N, C-alpha and C. Protein backbone atom coordinates (compact mmCIF):
# COMPACT_ATOMS: atom_id res chain seq x y z
N MET A 1 107.68 93.20 86.72
CA MET A 1 107.50 94.36 85.88
C MET A 1 106.93 93.91 84.54
N ASN A 2 105.92 94.64 84.08
CA ASN A 2 105.34 94.37 82.76
C ASN A 2 106.24 94.96 81.69
N SER A 3 106.28 94.29 80.56
CA SER A 3 107.12 94.73 79.46
C SER A 3 106.31 94.69 78.17
N PHE A 4 106.46 95.74 77.37
CA PHE A 4 105.72 95.86 76.12
C PHE A 4 106.72 96.03 74.98
N GLU A 5 106.46 95.37 73.87
CA GLU A 5 107.41 95.34 72.74
C GLU A 5 107.70 96.73 72.18
N ASN A 6 106.66 97.56 72.10
CA ASN A 6 106.83 98.91 71.55
C ASN A 6 105.64 99.77 72.01
N VAL A 7 105.68 101.04 71.66
CA VAL A 7 104.63 101.95 72.11
C VAL A 7 103.28 101.59 71.50
N ASP A 8 103.30 100.99 70.32
CA ASP A 8 102.05 100.59 69.67
C ASP A 8 101.31 99.52 70.49
N ALA A 9 102.05 98.77 71.28
CA ALA A 9 101.43 97.73 72.10
C ALA A 9 100.50 98.31 73.16
N LEU A 10 100.68 99.58 73.49
CA LEU A 10 99.83 100.23 74.50
C LEU A 10 98.50 100.69 73.92
N ARG A 11 98.40 100.74 72.61
CA ARG A 11 97.19 101.26 71.95
C ARG A 11 95.94 100.52 72.40
N GLY A 12 96.01 99.22 72.51
CA GLY A 12 94.85 98.42 72.88
C GLY A 12 94.65 98.29 74.38
N LEU A 13 95.42 99.01 75.18
CA LEU A 13 95.34 98.87 76.62
C LEU A 13 94.70 100.07 77.32
N VAL A 14 94.02 100.92 76.56
CA VAL A 14 93.33 102.07 77.16
C VAL A 14 92.32 101.54 78.18
N GLY A 15 92.37 102.09 79.38
CA GLY A 15 91.50 101.66 80.46
C GLY A 15 92.10 100.56 81.33
N GLU A 16 93.27 100.07 80.96
CA GLU A 16 93.92 98.98 81.69
C GLU A 16 95.09 99.48 82.53
N VAL A 17 95.29 98.86 83.69
CA VAL A 17 96.48 99.11 84.49
C VAL A 17 97.61 98.33 83.85
N VAL A 18 98.70 99.03 83.51
CA VAL A 18 99.81 98.38 82.82
C VAL A 18 100.98 98.07 83.75
N GLY A 19 100.93 98.56 84.98
CA GLY A 19 102.00 98.22 85.90
C GLY A 19 101.89 98.92 87.23
N SER A 20 102.58 98.33 88.20
CA SER A 20 102.67 98.90 89.55
C SER A 20 104.13 98.90 89.96
N SER A 21 104.55 99.95 90.61
CA SER A 21 105.96 100.09 90.98
C SER A 21 106.30 99.32 92.25
N ASP A 22 107.58 99.29 92.55
CA ASP A 22 108.06 98.81 93.83
C ASP A 22 107.75 99.87 94.88
N TRP A 23 107.85 99.49 96.14
CA TRP A 23 107.66 100.44 97.24
C TRP A 23 108.89 101.33 97.36
N VAL A 24 108.65 102.61 97.68
CA VAL A 24 109.71 103.59 97.89
C VAL A 24 109.55 104.16 99.30
N ALA A 25 110.63 104.14 100.08
CA ALA A 25 110.59 104.65 101.45
C ALA A 25 110.71 106.17 101.46
N ILE A 26 109.87 106.79 102.27
CA ILE A 26 109.89 108.25 102.44
C ILE A 26 110.37 108.53 103.87
N ASP A 27 111.68 108.70 104.02
CA ASP A 27 112.25 108.98 105.34
C ASP A 27 112.55 110.47 105.47
N GLN A 28 112.95 110.88 106.65
CA GLN A 28 113.20 112.31 106.89
C GLN A 28 114.35 112.82 106.03
N GLN A 29 115.35 112.01 105.80
CA GLN A 29 116.47 112.46 104.96
C GLN A 29 116.00 112.80 103.55
N ARG A 30 115.13 111.98 102.98
CA ARG A 30 114.61 112.27 101.64
C ARG A 30 113.79 113.57 101.65
N ILE A 31 112.98 113.74 102.69
CA ILE A 31 112.18 114.97 102.80
C ILE A 31 113.09 116.18 102.94
N ASP A 32 114.10 116.09 103.79
CA ASP A 32 115.03 117.21 103.99
C ASP A 32 115.81 117.53 102.72
N THR A 33 116.23 116.51 102.01
CA THR A 33 116.96 116.72 100.76
C THR A 33 116.09 117.43 99.73
N PHE A 34 114.82 117.04 99.64
CA PHE A 34 113.89 117.69 98.73
C PHE A 34 113.67 119.15 99.15
N ALA A 35 113.51 119.38 100.45
CA ALA A 35 113.33 120.75 100.96
C ALA A 35 114.53 121.61 100.62
N GLU A 36 115.70 121.05 100.77
CA GLU A 36 116.93 121.79 100.46
C GLU A 36 117.00 122.12 98.97
N ALA A 37 116.65 121.15 98.13
CA ALA A 37 116.72 121.35 96.68
C ALA A 37 115.70 122.37 96.18
N THR A 38 114.54 122.43 96.82
CA THR A 38 113.46 123.29 96.32
C THR A 38 113.30 124.59 97.09
N GLY A 39 113.93 124.68 98.26
CA GLY A 39 113.76 125.87 99.09
C GLY A 39 112.48 125.89 99.89
N ASP A 40 111.74 124.78 99.88
CA ASP A 40 110.49 124.69 100.65
C ASP A 40 110.81 124.11 102.02
N GLN A 41 111.06 125.00 102.97
CA GLN A 41 111.48 124.61 104.31
C GLN A 41 110.34 124.70 105.32
N GLN A 42 109.09 124.59 104.87
CA GLN A 42 107.97 124.70 105.79
C GLN A 42 108.11 123.68 106.92
N TRP A 43 107.79 124.10 108.13
CA TRP A 43 108.00 123.29 109.31
C TRP A 43 107.28 121.94 109.29
N ILE A 44 106.15 121.85 108.62
CA ILE A 44 105.44 120.56 108.58
C ILE A 44 106.26 119.49 107.86
N HIS A 45 107.27 119.92 107.11
CA HIS A 45 108.14 118.99 106.40
C HIS A 45 109.47 118.74 107.12
N VAL A 46 110.05 119.79 107.70
CA VAL A 46 111.45 119.70 108.13
C VAL A 46 111.70 119.86 109.62
N ASP A 47 110.69 120.11 110.42
CA ASP A 47 110.89 120.31 111.86
C ASP A 47 110.12 119.24 112.64
N PRO A 48 110.77 118.09 112.90
CA PRO A 48 110.06 116.99 113.57
C PRO A 48 109.48 117.37 114.93
N GLU A 49 110.17 118.19 115.70
CA GLU A 49 109.64 118.58 117.02
C GLU A 49 108.35 119.38 116.89
N ARG A 50 108.39 120.40 116.07
CA ARG A 50 107.20 121.23 115.88
C ARG A 50 106.08 120.44 115.20
N ALA A 51 106.44 119.62 114.22
CA ALA A 51 105.44 118.84 113.49
C ALA A 51 104.74 117.83 114.40
N ALA A 52 105.45 117.35 115.42
CA ALA A 52 104.84 116.39 116.36
C ALA A 52 103.65 117.02 117.08
N LYS A 53 103.65 118.34 117.22
CA LYS A 53 102.55 119.05 117.87
C LYS A 53 101.55 119.61 116.86
N GLY A 54 101.82 119.39 115.59
CA GLY A 54 100.98 119.95 114.53
C GLY A 54 99.84 119.03 114.14
N PRO A 55 99.16 119.36 113.05
CA PRO A 55 97.95 118.65 112.66
C PRO A 55 98.16 117.19 112.22
N PHE A 56 99.39 116.82 111.85
CA PHE A 56 99.63 115.47 111.34
C PHE A 56 100.38 114.59 112.34
N GLY A 57 100.86 115.16 113.44
CA GLY A 57 101.54 114.39 114.48
C GLY A 57 102.98 114.04 114.17
N LYS A 58 103.44 114.37 112.99
CA LYS A 58 104.82 114.13 112.57
C LYS A 58 105.03 114.88 111.27
N THR A 59 106.25 114.91 110.78
CA THR A 59 106.49 115.58 109.51
C THR A 59 105.82 114.80 108.38
N ILE A 60 105.53 115.52 107.31
CA ILE A 60 104.94 114.92 106.11
C ILE A 60 105.78 115.30 104.90
N ALA A 61 105.73 114.46 103.89
CA ALA A 61 106.44 114.73 102.64
C ALA A 61 105.74 115.87 101.89
N HIS A 62 106.51 116.60 101.14
CA HIS A 62 105.96 117.61 100.24
C HIS A 62 105.12 116.90 99.18
N GLY A 63 104.01 117.49 98.79
CA GLY A 63 103.25 116.91 97.69
C GLY A 63 104.08 116.79 96.43
N PHE A 64 104.89 117.81 96.17
CA PHE A 64 105.72 117.78 94.97
C PHE A 64 106.84 116.75 95.07
N LEU A 65 107.24 116.37 96.28
CA LEU A 65 108.18 115.26 96.43
C LEU A 65 107.52 113.98 95.93
N THR A 66 106.30 113.74 96.35
CA THR A 66 105.56 112.56 95.88
C THR A 66 105.46 112.57 94.36
N LEU A 67 105.10 113.71 93.80
CA LEU A 67 104.96 113.82 92.35
C LEU A 67 106.30 113.64 91.65
N SER A 68 107.38 114.12 92.26
CA SER A 68 108.71 114.02 91.63
C SER A 68 109.20 112.59 91.51
N LEU A 69 108.56 111.67 92.21
CA LEU A 69 108.95 110.26 92.13
C LEU A 69 108.35 109.57 90.91
N LEU A 70 107.59 110.30 90.11
CA LEU A 70 106.97 109.74 88.90
C LEU A 70 107.96 108.95 88.05
N PRO A 71 109.15 109.47 87.70
CA PRO A 71 110.06 108.67 86.88
C PRO A 71 110.49 107.37 87.56
N THR A 72 110.76 107.42 88.85
CA THR A 72 111.14 106.22 89.59
C THR A 72 110.01 105.21 89.57
N PHE A 73 108.81 105.67 89.89
CA PHE A 73 107.66 104.78 89.89
C PHE A 73 107.45 104.15 88.51
N MET A 74 107.52 104.97 87.47
CA MET A 74 107.22 104.49 86.13
C MET A 74 108.25 103.47 85.67
N THR A 75 109.54 103.72 85.90
CA THR A 75 110.55 102.76 85.44
C THR A 75 110.50 101.46 86.22
N ASP A 76 109.99 101.49 87.45
CA ASP A 76 109.79 100.26 88.22
C ASP A 76 108.55 99.50 87.78
N ALA A 77 107.55 100.22 87.28
CA ALA A 77 106.23 99.62 87.01
C ALA A 77 106.16 98.87 85.69
N PHE A 78 106.76 99.42 84.64
CA PHE A 78 106.68 98.77 83.33
C PHE A 78 107.74 99.36 82.41
N GLU A 79 107.99 98.64 81.33
CA GLU A 79 108.92 99.13 80.32
C GLU A 79 108.29 99.00 78.94
N VAL A 80 108.67 99.93 78.07
CA VAL A 80 108.29 99.85 76.67
C VAL A 80 109.60 99.74 75.90
N ARG A 81 109.82 98.58 75.28
CA ARG A 81 111.05 98.34 74.54
C ARG A 81 110.96 98.97 73.16
N ASN A 82 112.07 98.98 72.48
CA ASN A 82 112.16 99.49 71.10
C ASN A 82 111.67 100.92 71.00
N VAL A 83 112.09 101.73 71.95
CA VAL A 83 111.77 103.16 71.95
C VAL A 83 113.07 103.93 71.77
N LYS A 84 113.08 104.86 70.82
CA LYS A 84 114.26 105.70 70.60
C LYS A 84 114.32 106.87 71.57
N MET A 85 113.13 107.40 71.90
CA MET A 85 113.09 108.58 72.74
C MET A 85 111.71 108.72 73.37
N GLY A 86 111.70 109.15 74.60
CA GLY A 86 110.46 109.49 75.28
C GLY A 86 110.64 110.82 76.00
N VAL A 87 109.62 111.66 75.98
CA VAL A 87 109.70 112.95 76.67
C VAL A 87 108.44 113.17 77.49
N ASN A 88 108.65 113.81 78.62
CA ASN A 88 107.55 114.20 79.48
C ASN A 88 106.86 115.39 78.82
N TYR A 89 105.59 115.25 78.50
CA TYR A 89 104.85 116.32 77.84
C TYR A 89 104.08 117.18 78.85
N GLY A 90 103.84 116.64 80.03
CA GLY A 90 103.17 117.44 81.05
C GLY A 90 102.21 116.63 81.90
N LEU A 91 101.44 117.36 82.66
CA LEU A 91 100.46 116.78 83.58
C LEU A 91 99.13 117.46 83.37
N ASN A 92 98.06 116.71 83.57
CA ASN A 92 96.74 117.30 83.62
C ASN A 92 96.35 117.39 85.08
N LYS A 93 95.31 116.77 85.46
CA LYS A 93 94.82 116.84 86.84
C LYS A 93 95.83 116.23 87.80
N VAL A 94 96.17 116.99 88.84
CA VAL A 94 97.03 116.48 89.91
C VAL A 94 96.32 116.79 91.22
N ARG A 95 96.15 115.77 92.04
CA ARG A 95 95.51 115.96 93.34
C ARG A 95 96.34 115.26 94.40
N PHE A 96 96.61 115.98 95.50
CA PHE A 96 97.29 115.41 96.66
C PHE A 96 96.20 115.07 97.67
N VAL A 97 95.73 113.85 97.63
CA VAL A 97 94.53 113.43 98.33
C VAL A 97 94.78 113.21 99.82
N GLN A 98 95.94 112.68 100.15
CA GLN A 98 96.24 112.27 101.52
C GLN A 98 97.68 112.65 101.84
N PRO A 99 97.94 113.26 103.02
CA PRO A 99 99.33 113.56 103.37
C PRO A 99 100.15 112.28 103.53
N VAL A 100 101.44 112.39 103.23
CA VAL A 100 102.36 111.26 103.32
C VAL A 100 103.24 111.45 104.56
N PRO A 101 102.96 110.72 105.64
CA PRO A 101 103.76 110.87 106.86
C PRO A 101 105.19 110.33 106.67
N VAL A 102 106.12 110.96 107.36
CA VAL A 102 107.50 110.47 107.35
C VAL A 102 107.50 108.99 107.71
N ASP A 103 108.42 108.25 107.13
CA ASP A 103 108.60 106.81 107.34
C ASP A 103 107.49 105.97 106.73
N SER A 104 106.79 106.55 105.76
CA SER A 104 105.80 105.80 104.97
C SER A 104 106.51 105.14 103.80
N ARG A 105 105.78 104.24 103.15
CA ARG A 105 106.23 103.66 101.89
C ARG A 105 105.16 103.93 100.84
N LEU A 106 105.60 104.29 99.65
CA LEU A 106 104.71 104.61 98.54
C LEU A 106 104.97 103.68 97.36
N ARG A 107 103.92 103.47 96.59
CA ARG A 107 104.08 102.84 95.28
C ARG A 107 103.01 103.41 94.37
N ALA A 108 103.21 103.25 93.06
CA ALA A 108 102.28 103.83 92.10
C ALA A 108 101.77 102.78 91.13
N HIS A 109 100.54 103.01 90.67
CA HIS A 109 99.90 102.16 89.68
C HIS A 109 99.62 103.04 88.45
N PHE A 110 99.81 102.48 87.27
CA PHE A 110 99.65 103.24 86.03
C PHE A 110 98.59 102.61 85.15
N LYS A 111 97.60 103.43 84.81
CA LYS A 111 96.52 103.01 83.91
C LYS A 111 96.61 103.87 82.65
N VAL A 112 96.55 103.24 81.48
CA VAL A 112 96.54 103.99 80.22
C VAL A 112 95.18 104.64 80.07
N GLN A 113 95.17 105.97 79.97
CA GLN A 113 93.90 106.69 79.78
C GLN A 113 93.62 106.98 78.31
N SER A 114 94.69 107.29 77.57
CA SER A 114 94.50 107.54 76.14
C SER A 114 95.80 107.27 75.39
N TRP A 115 95.64 106.99 74.11
CA TRP A 115 96.76 106.72 73.21
C TRP A 115 96.44 107.42 71.90
N GLU A 116 97.31 108.35 71.52
CA GLU A 116 97.09 109.09 70.27
C GLU A 116 98.34 109.00 69.41
N PRO A 117 98.20 108.69 68.11
CA PRO A 117 99.37 108.61 67.24
C PRO A 117 99.99 109.99 67.01
N LEU A 118 101.31 109.99 66.84
CA LEU A 118 102.05 111.20 66.51
C LEU A 118 102.87 110.94 65.26
N GLU A 119 103.14 112.00 64.52
CA GLU A 119 104.02 111.86 63.36
C GLU A 119 105.39 111.40 63.83
N GLY A 120 106.09 110.68 62.96
CA GLY A 120 107.44 110.23 63.30
C GLY A 120 107.47 108.94 64.09
N ASN A 121 106.47 108.07 63.85
CA ASN A 121 106.42 106.76 64.53
C ASN A 121 106.34 106.91 66.05
N GLY A 122 105.44 107.79 66.49
CA GLY A 122 105.30 108.01 67.92
C GLY A 122 103.87 107.98 68.38
N ALA A 123 103.73 108.17 69.68
CA ALA A 123 102.39 108.22 70.28
C ALA A 123 102.44 109.11 71.51
N GLN A 124 101.34 109.78 71.76
CA GLN A 124 101.16 110.51 73.01
C GLN A 124 100.28 109.63 73.89
N VAL A 125 100.84 109.23 75.03
CA VAL A 125 100.14 108.33 75.94
C VAL A 125 99.88 109.08 77.24
N THR A 126 98.63 109.07 77.67
CA THR A 126 98.25 109.67 78.95
C THR A 126 97.97 108.54 79.92
N TYR A 127 98.63 108.61 81.06
CA TYR A 127 98.46 107.61 82.12
C TYR A 127 97.80 108.25 83.33
N GLU A 128 96.95 107.50 83.99
CA GLU A 128 96.50 107.89 85.32
C GLU A 128 97.45 107.21 86.30
N MET A 129 98.15 108.04 87.08
CA MET A 129 99.06 107.52 88.09
C MET A 129 98.38 107.67 89.45
N THR A 130 98.24 106.57 90.16
CA THR A 130 97.69 106.59 91.51
C THR A 130 98.79 106.15 92.47
N VAL A 131 99.16 107.03 93.39
CA VAL A 131 100.21 106.72 94.36
C VAL A 131 99.54 106.32 95.67
N GLU A 132 99.84 105.12 96.12
CA GLU A 132 99.25 104.65 97.36
C GLU A 132 100.28 104.67 98.48
N ILE A 133 99.78 104.86 99.70
CA ILE A 133 100.58 104.79 100.91
C ILE A 133 100.31 103.41 101.51
N GLU A 134 101.36 102.70 101.85
CA GLU A 134 101.20 101.37 102.42
C GLU A 134 100.29 101.42 103.65
N HIS A 135 99.28 100.55 103.68
CA HIS A 135 98.32 100.40 104.79
C HIS A 135 97.38 101.58 104.96
N VAL A 136 97.20 102.42 103.93
CA VAL A 136 96.28 103.55 103.99
C VAL A 136 95.29 103.41 102.84
N ALA A 137 94.01 103.58 103.13
CA ALA A 137 92.97 103.37 102.11
C ALA A 137 92.99 104.44 101.02
N LYS A 138 93.11 105.71 101.40
CA LYS A 138 93.08 106.79 100.41
C LYS A 138 94.45 106.94 99.75
N PRO A 139 94.48 107.24 98.45
CA PRO A 139 95.77 107.45 97.79
C PRO A 139 96.42 108.76 98.24
N ALA A 140 97.73 108.80 98.11
CA ALA A 140 98.47 110.03 98.41
C ALA A 140 98.30 111.04 97.28
N CYS A 141 98.31 110.54 96.05
CA CYS A 141 98.30 111.43 94.89
C CYS A 141 97.66 110.70 93.71
N VAL A 142 96.91 111.45 92.94
CA VAL A 142 96.38 110.96 91.66
C VAL A 142 96.69 112.03 90.63
N ALA A 143 97.30 111.61 89.52
CA ALA A 143 97.70 112.58 88.50
C ALA A 143 97.56 111.96 87.12
N GLU A 144 97.31 112.80 86.13
CA GLU A 144 97.34 112.38 84.73
C GLU A 144 98.68 112.83 84.16
N CYS A 145 99.48 111.86 83.73
CA CYS A 145 100.82 112.11 83.19
C CYS A 145 100.80 111.88 81.70
N ILE A 146 101.34 112.82 80.95
CA ILE A 146 101.33 112.72 79.48
C ILE A 146 102.77 112.54 78.99
N LEU A 147 102.99 111.47 78.24
CA LEU A 147 104.30 111.21 77.67
C LEU A 147 104.20 111.11 76.16
N ARG A 148 105.23 111.58 75.51
CA ARG A 148 105.35 111.41 74.06
C ARG A 148 106.51 110.45 73.82
N VAL A 149 106.21 109.36 73.12
CA VAL A 149 107.19 108.28 72.94
C VAL A 149 107.34 108.01 71.44
N PHE A 150 108.60 107.84 71.02
CA PHE A 150 108.89 107.59 69.60
C PHE A 150 109.72 106.33 69.44
N GLY A 151 109.31 105.50 68.46
CA GLY A 151 110.00 104.23 68.23
C GLY A 151 110.92 104.29 67.06
């Protein structure tokens, strides 16, 4: 895991990948738990028998399940020390490029897209997050994540 002394250390890293997460397993239990929590019970996610005859040959993870792993991916990929507070400010472009089949493994890579100073010894940092599926060429998801961090 990459480690940075403070948020200011990211200023000079615009355009650079600052970290990659560990692999995360996407099993049926995780998919079912997400479906239960969100109320999205579409058969392509939660009905293995029906999904086996469907367009993907098995169940697939919800796109928003993949996106919801952002905090897990980010804390595995890198750390910024000497931070008093960080808040999720939002997302820009989000694309679910490739379906995530059950029993896949995912990991994410983070590239700093922009760094803007904020009042109060802070910065707004936009990252490009690319989520890859193990052994698959196309990414599962690409998103711009915006964080506000204060030291």
